Amino acid sequence: MVYEYINFPDGTEVVHTQILNEDKNPTVEVHFERPTSNGFDSARCELPSYKWLFNEGYSEEELSFFNEFLHHNAHLIFRFAKSGGICA
């Protein structure tokens, strides 16, 4: 299951998974996606390790912003991942 989290002014949508690996080391994958004229820019980060799993189209500066954003929002993303999304 994937849950909406936020939309940035540049069109980037941020969504996250439910909690994965609940029995061992709980993780959540956070997806960033922005429409372009040729498709989408897309990046994915795993929490709580902050390991970038994938990036296509985002600059290092944008990834740095996303990384800081995740450090400030990880606790909320985990809470919403556990409860079924922000609107649950």
C-alpha atoms as a PDB file:
ATOM      1  CA  MET A   1       0.000   0.000   0.000  1.00  0.00           C
ATOM      2  CA  VAL A   2       1.198   3.522  -0.819  1.00  0.00           C
ATOM      3  CA  TYR A   3      -0.007   6.644   0.985  1.00  0.00           C
ATOM      4  CA  GLU A   4       0.101  10.289  -0.145  1.00  0.00           C
ATOM      5  CA  TYR A   5       2.113  12.604   2.078  1.00  0.00           C
ATOM      6  CA  ILE A   6       2.728  16.018   0.449  1.00  0.00           C
ATOM      7  CA  ASN A   7       2.997  17.867  -2.866  1.00  0.00           C
ATOM      8  CA  PHE A   8       5.734  20.455  -3.425  1.00  0.00           C
ATOM      9  CA  PRO A   9       5.204  23.632  -5.509  1.00  0.00           C
ATOM     10  CA  ASP A  10       7.385  22.240  -8.350  1.00  0.00           C
ATOM     11  CA  GLY A  11       4.909  19.375  -8.820  1.00  0.00           C
ATOM     12  CA  THR A  12       6.892  16.771  -6.882  1.00  0.00           C
ATOM     13  CA  GLU A  13       4.528  14.374  -5.128  1.00  0.00           C
ATOM     14  CA  VAL A  14       5.771  12.541  -2.047  1.00  0.00           C
ATOM     15  CA  VAL A  15       4.211   9.202  -1.137  1.00  0.00           C
ATOM     16  CA  HIS A  16       5.286   6.448   1.244  1.00  0.00           C
ATOM     17  CA  THR A  17       4.669   2.760   1.770  1.00  0.00           C
ATOM     18  CA  GLN A  18       3.168   1.084   4.769  1.00  0.00           C
ATOM     19  CA  ILE A  19       5.718  -0.263   7.256  1.00  0.00           C
ATOM     20  CA  LEU A  20       7.768  -3.008   5.608  1.00  0.00           C
ATOM     21  CA  ASN A  21       9.679  -5.783   7.424  1.00  0.00           C
ATOM     22  CA  GLU A  22       7.578  -5.319  10.564  1.00  0.00           C
ATOM     23  CA  ASP A  23       9.001  -8.428  12.232  1.00  0.00           C
ATOM     24  CA  LYS A  24      12.689  -7.548  11.839  1.00  0.00           C
ATOM     25  CA  ASN A  25      13.839  -4.019  11.075  1.00  0.00           C
ATOM     26  CA  PRO A  26      10.825  -1.857  10.224  1.00  0.00           C
ATOM     27  CA  THR A  27      11.378   0.284   7.139  1.00  0.00           C
ATOM     28  CA  VAL A  28       9.350   2.650   5.011  1.00  0.00           C
ATOM     29  CA  GLU A  29      10.096   3.576   1.407  1.00  0.00           C
ATOM     30  CA  VAL A  30       9.456   7.195   0.438  1.00  0.00           C
ATOM     31  CA  HIS A  31       8.898   7.986  -3.244  1.00  0.00           C
ATOM     32  CA  PHE A  32       9.393  11.386  -4.891  1.00  0.00           C
ATOM     33  CA  GLU A  33       7.912  11.894  -8.352  1.00  0.00           C
ATOM     34  CA  ARG A  34       7.543  14.946 -10.592  1.00  0.00           C
ATOM     35  CA  PRO A  35       5.984  15.076 -14.065  1.00  0.00           C
ATOM     36  CA  THR A  36       8.211  16.263 -16.921  1.00  0.00           C
ATOM     37  CA  SER A  37       7.664  16.736 -20.636  1.00  0.00           C
ATOM     38  CA  ASN A  38       9.212  13.276 -21.208  1.00  0.00           C
ATOM     39  CA  GLY A  39       7.627  11.348 -18.331  1.00  0.00           C
ATOM     40  CA  PHE A  40       8.658  11.668 -14.702  1.00  0.00           C
ATOM     41  CA  ASP A  41      11.616  12.466 -12.482  1.00  0.00           C
ATOM     42  CA  SER A  42      11.644   9.827  -9.783  1.00  0.00           C
ATOM     43  CA  ALA A  43      13.589   9.043  -6.614  1.00  0.00           C
ATOM     44  CA  ARG A  44      13.135   6.593  -3.746  1.00  0.00           C
ATOM     45  CA  CYS A  45      14.630   6.587  -0.237  1.00  0.00           C
ATOM     46  CA  GLU A  46      14.450   3.958   2.498  1.00  0.00           C
ATOM     47  CA  LEU A  47      13.888   4.997   6.104  1.00  0.00           C
ATOM     48  CA  PRO A  48      15.295   4.866   8.729  1.00  0.00           C
ATOM     49  CA  SER A  49      18.638   4.311   6.926  1.00  0.00           C
ATOM     50  CA  TYR A  50      18.117   7.318   4.590  1.00  0.00           C
ATOM     51  CA  LYS A  51      19.585   5.135   1.828  1.00  0.00           C
ATOM     52  CA  TRP A  52      18.699   6.333  -1.671  1.00  0.00           C
ATOM     53  CA  LEU A  53      17.478   3.322  -3.630  1.00  0.00           C
ATOM     54  CA  PHE A  54      16.861   5.060  -6.941  1.00  0.00           C
ATOM     55  CA  ASN A  55      17.155   8.458  -8.606  1.00  0.00           C
ATOM     56  CA  GLU A  56      16.346   9.458 -12.144  1.00  0.00           C
ATOM     57  CA  GLY A  57      16.115  13.129 -12.994  1.00  0.00           C
ATOM     58  CA  TYR A  58      16.620  14.895  -9.666  1.00  0.00           C
ATOM     59  CA  SER A  59      19.791  16.949  -9.100  1.00  0.00           C
ATOM     60  CA  GLU A  60      22.154  16.491  -6.158  1.00  0.00           C
ATOM     61  CA  GLU A  61      20.827  19.780  -4.766  1.00  0.00           C
ATOM     62  CA  GLU A  62      17.246  18.478  -4.922  1.00  0.00           C
ATOM     63  CA  LEU A  63      18.264  15.184  -3.276  1.00  0.00           C
ATOM     64  CA  SER A  64      19.979  17.156  -0.524  1.00  0.00           C
ATOM     65  CA  PHE A  65      16.740  19.090   0.057  1.00  0.00           C
ATOM     66  CA  PHE A  66      14.757  15.827   0.113  1.00  0.00           C
ATOM     67  CA  ASN A  67      17.249  14.319   2.566  1.00  0.00           C
ATOM     68  CA  GLU A  68      16.824  17.251   4.947  1.00  0.00           C
ATOM     69  CA  PHE A  69      13.051  17.083   4.473  1.00  0.00           C
ATOM     70  CA  LEU A  70      13.099  13.384   5.401  1.00  0.00           C
ATOM     71  CA  HIS A  71      15.193  14.002   8.514  1.00  0.00           C
ATOM     72  CA  HIS A  72      12.542  16.474   9.693  1.00  0.00           C
ATOM     73  CA  ASN A  73       9.562  14.296   8.716  1.00  0.00           C
ATOM     74  CA  ALA A  74      10.640  10.664   9.260  1.00  0.00           C
ATOM     75  CA  HIS A  75       8.876  10.374  12.613  1.00  0.00           C
ATOM     76  CA  LEU A  76       5.593  11.527  11.038  1.00  0.00           C
ATOM     77  CA  ILE A  77       6.011   9.328   7.968  1.00  0.00           C
ATOM     78  CA  PHE A  78       6.526   6.287  10.227  1.00  0.00           C
ATOM     79  CA  ARG A  79       3.473   7.236  12.287  1.00  0.00           C
ATOM     80  CA  PHE A  80       1.293   7.577   9.181  1.00  0.00           C
ATOM     81  CA  ALA A  81       2.750   4.406   7.632  1.00  0.00           C
ATOM     82  CA  LYS A  82       1.719   2.519  10.753  1.00  0.00           C
ATOM     83  CA  SER A  83      -1.776   4.016  10.965  1.00  0.00           C
ATOM     84  CA  GLY A  84      -2.781   3.750   7.301  1.00  0.00           C
ATOM     85  CA  GLY A  85      -1.856   7.156   5.912  1.00  0.00           C
ATOM     86  CA  ILE A  86      -2.228  10.791   6.839  1.00  0.00           C
ATOM     87  CA  CYS A  87      -6.036  10.787   6.519  1.00  0.00           C
ATOM     88  CA  ALA A  88      -6.638   7.639   8.544  1.00  0.00           C
END
